[in-house]
Amino acid sequence: MLLNLGHPSELAAPRGKWWKLAAGLVGLGLISEIMVVPLGPQLPDQFDRATDFNEKQLQKLNAVGIIAEPLFRDYLLAFELTSVLLLVAIAGAVVLARGRAAGAR
């Protein structure tokens, strides 16, 4: 497809059954951590929010503004670096997809 790797029937699966077992064990470990986290210590009072906090924010800002305000105010550098990284990744995928010219090595 995008990388011109050839026909799917020509490609062999490099992984055996052990990778599936390892992935299953890692998945079970992550699920067990997710189940234990809510049982941990409670948040301090300074992190508690009012029950109608989300509704007040939605009325104050629109649905896009709730996401856009912190994104462009607090996380602007991370947002810009991510956009440049995605642009470079897209350009790299296009270069790889073009393939090699016939006779060029």
C-alpha atoms as a PDB file:
ATOM      1  CA  MET A   1       0.000   0.000   0.000  1.00  0.00           C
ATOM      2  CA  LEU A   2       1.671   3.160   1.193  1.00  0.00           C
ATOM      3  CA  LEU A   3       5.166   1.702   1.543  1.00  0.00           C
ATOM      4  CA  ASN A   4       5.145  -0.487  -1.601  1.00  0.00           C
ATOM      5  CA  LEU A   5       6.094  -3.587   0.367  1.00  0.00           C
ATOM      6  CA  GLY A   6       4.674  -5.988  -2.171  1.00  0.00           C
ATOM      7  CA  HIS A   7       1.668  -8.266  -2.243  1.00  0.00           C
ATOM      8  CA  PRO A   8       0.327  -9.253   1.192  1.00  0.00           C
ATOM      9  CA  SER A   9       0.596 -12.959   0.362  1.00  0.00           C
ATOM     10  CA  GLU A  10       4.368 -12.582  -0.071  1.00  0.00           C
ATOM     11  CA  LEU A  11       4.849 -11.106   3.380  1.00  0.00           C
ATOM     12  CA  ALA A  12       5.352 -13.552   6.237  1.00  0.00           C
ATOM     13  CA  ALA A  13       4.373 -12.848   9.820  1.00  0.00           C
ATOM     14  CA  PRO A  14       7.687 -12.381  11.707  1.00  0.00           C
ATOM     15  CA  ARG A  15       6.135 -13.047  15.098  1.00  0.00           C
ATOM     16  CA  GLY A  16       5.329 -16.388  16.618  1.00  0.00           C
ATOM     17  CA  LYS A  17       2.841 -17.387  19.291  1.00  0.00           C
ATOM     18  CA  TRP A  18       5.025 -16.118  22.131  1.00  0.00           C
ATOM     19  CA  TRP A  19       4.380 -12.496  21.142  1.00  0.00           C
ATOM     20  CA  LYS A  20       0.650 -13.009  21.511  1.00  0.00           C
ATOM     21  CA  LEU A  21       1.145 -14.529  24.952  1.00  0.00           C
ATOM     22  CA  ALA A  22       3.424 -11.660  26.030  1.00  0.00           C
ATOM     23  CA  ALA A  23       0.957  -9.074  24.691  1.00  0.00           C
ATOM     24  CA  GLY A  24      -1.871 -10.800  26.568  1.00  0.00           C
ATOM     25  CA  LEU A  25       0.105 -10.739  29.825  1.00  0.00           C
ATOM     26  CA  VAL A  26       0.957  -7.055  29.383  1.00  0.00           C
ATOM     27  CA  GLY A  27      -2.707  -6.339  28.654  1.00  0.00           C
ATOM     28  CA  LEU A  28      -3.808  -8.183  31.786  1.00  0.00           C
ATOM     29  CA  GLY A  29      -1.238  -6.232  33.816  1.00  0.00           C
ATOM     30  CA  LEU A  30      -2.532  -2.916  32.467  1.00  0.00           C
ATOM     31  CA  ILE A  31      -6.140  -3.881  33.127  1.00  0.00           C
ATOM     32  CA  SER A  32      -5.274  -4.878  36.697  1.00  0.00           C
ATOM     33  CA  GLU A  33      -3.574  -1.498  37.244  1.00  0.00           C
ATOM     34  CA  ILE A  34      -6.633   0.306  35.918  1.00  0.00           C
ATOM     35  CA  MET A  35      -8.819  -1.632  38.323  1.00  0.00           C
ATOM     36  CA  VAL A  36      -6.576  -0.818  41.324  1.00  0.00           C
ATOM     37  CA  VAL A  37      -6.098   2.918  40.676  1.00  0.00           C
ATOM     38  CA  PRO A  38      -9.632   3.998  41.749  1.00  0.00           C
ATOM     39  CA  LEU A  39      -9.100   2.222  45.057  1.00  0.00           C
ATOM     40  CA  GLY A  40      -6.013   4.355  45.822  1.00  0.00           C
ATOM     41  CA  PRO A  41      -5.876   7.539  47.877  1.00  0.00           C
ATOM     42  CA  GLN A  42      -8.447  10.243  47.270  1.00  0.00           C
ATOM     43  CA  LEU A  43      -7.526  13.607  45.773  1.00  0.00           C
ATOM     44  CA  PRO A  44      -6.916  16.557  48.092  1.00  0.00           C
ATOM     45  CA  ASP A  45      -9.693  19.107  48.497  1.00  0.00           C
ATOM     46  CA  GLN A  46      -7.893  21.647  46.322  1.00  0.00           C
ATOM     47  CA  PHE A  47      -8.406  19.385  43.289  1.00  0.00           C
ATOM     48  CA  ASP A  48     -12.108  18.824  43.865  1.00  0.00           C
ATOM     49  CA  ARG A  49     -14.441  20.626  41.496  1.00  0.00           C
ATOM     50  CA  ALA A  50     -17.977  21.774  41.909  1.00  0.00           C
ATOM     51  CA  THR A  51     -20.592  19.384  40.582  1.00  0.00           C
ATOM     52  CA  ASP A  52     -21.747  21.853  37.924  1.00  0.00           C
ATOM     53  CA  PHE A  53     -18.236  22.970  36.868  1.00  0.00           C
ATOM     54  CA  ASN A  54     -18.472  21.478  33.372  1.00  0.00           C
ATOM     55  CA  GLU A  55     -21.871  23.029  32.713  1.00  0.00           C
ATOM     56  CA  LYS A  56     -20.618  26.474  33.782  1.00  0.00           C
ATOM     57  CA  GLN A  57     -17.567  26.178  31.553  1.00  0.00           C
ATOM     58  CA  LEU A  58     -19.716  25.075  28.608  1.00  0.00           C
ATOM     59  CA  GLN A  59     -21.977  28.096  29.064  1.00  0.00           C
ATOM     60  CA  LYS A  60     -19.024  30.457  29.447  1.00  0.00           C
ATOM     61  CA  LEU A  61     -17.156  29.070  26.436  1.00  0.00           C
ATOM     62  CA  ASN A  62     -18.567  27.020  23.609  1.00  0.00           C
ATOM     63  CA  ALA A  63     -17.650  23.373  23.159  1.00  0.00           C
ATOM     64  CA  VAL A  64     -14.630  24.186  20.997  1.00  0.00           C
ATOM     65  CA  GLY A  65     -13.448  26.947  23.335  1.00  0.00           C
ATOM     66  CA  ILE A  66     -13.180  24.561  26.268  1.00  0.00           C
ATOM     67  CA  ILE A  67     -10.519  22.606  24.374  1.00  0.00           C
ATOM     68  CA  ALA A  68      -8.974  25.465  22.392  1.00  0.00           C
ATOM     69  CA  GLU A  69      -8.323  27.848  25.284  1.00  0.00           C
ATOM     70  CA  PRO A  70      -5.889  25.664  27.258  1.00  0.00           C
ATOM     71  CA  LEU A  71      -4.457  24.215  24.050  1.00  0.00           C
ATOM     72  CA  PHE A  72      -3.387  27.589  22.717  1.00  0.00           C
ATOM     73  CA  ARG A  73      -2.661  29.212  26.090  1.00  0.00           C
ATOM     74  CA  ASP A  74      -1.001  26.573  28.281  1.00  0.00           C
ATOM     75  CA  TYR A  75       0.188  23.983  25.785  1.00  0.00           C
ATOM     76  CA  LEU A  76       1.111  26.114  22.763  1.00  0.00           C
ATOM     77  CA  LEU A  77       4.711  24.902  22.481  1.00  0.00           C
ATOM     78  CA  ALA A  78       3.723  21.234  22.699  1.00  0.00           C
ATOM     79  CA  PHE A  79       0.951  21.824  20.148  1.00  0.00           C
ATOM     80  CA  GLU A  80       3.329  23.471  17.674  1.00  0.00           C
ATOM     81  CA  LEU A  81       6.018  20.798  18.120  1.00  0.00           C
ATOM     82  CA  THR A  82       3.425  18.088  17.530  1.00  0.00           C
ATOM     83  CA  SER A  83       2.214  19.785  14.353  1.00  0.00           C
ATOM     84  CA  VAL A  84       5.777  19.986  12.989  1.00  0.00           C
ATOM     85  CA  LEU A  85       6.391  16.343  13.912  1.00  0.00           C
ATOM     86  CA  LEU A  86       3.220  15.266  12.090  1.00  0.00           C
ATOM     87  CA  LEU A  87       4.196  17.311   9.042  1.00  0.00           C
ATOM     88  CA  VAL A  88       7.625  15.645   8.916  1.00  0.00           C
ATOM     89  CA  ALA A  89       6.005  12.209   9.332  1.00  0.00           C
ATOM     90  CA  ILE A  90       3.633  12.856   6.433  1.00  0.00           C
ATOM     91  CA  ALA A  91       6.481  14.046   4.210  1.00  0.00           C
ATOM     92  CA  GLY A  92       8.511  10.948   5.142  1.00  0.00           C
ATOM     93  CA  ALA A  93       5.589   8.650   4.352  1.00  0.00           C
ATOM     94  CA  VAL A  94       5.186  10.261   0.931  1.00  0.00           C
ATOM     95  CA  VAL A  95       8.903   9.880   0.187  1.00  0.00           C
ATOM     96  CA  LEU A  96       8.811   6.214   1.222  1.00  0.00           C
ATOM     97  CA  ALA A  97       5.644   5.605  -0.785  1.00  0.00           C
ATOM     98  CA  ARG A  98       7.180   6.918  -3.986  1.00  0.00           C
ATOM     99  CA  GLY A  99       9.500   3.953  -4.029  1.00  0.00           C
ATOM    100  CA  ARG A 100      12.851   3.702  -5.735  1.00  0.00           C
ATOM    101  CA  ALA A 101      13.292   4.620  -9.354  1.00  0.00           C
ATOM    102  CA  ALA A 102      14.010   1.767 -11.733  1.00  0.00           C
ATOM    103  CA  GLY A 103      17.783   1.253 -11.963  1.00  0.00           C
ATOM    104  CA  ALA A 104      18.604   3.507  -9.017  1.00  0.00           C
ATOM    105  CA  ARG A 105      20.341   1.861  -6.083  1.00  0.00           C
END
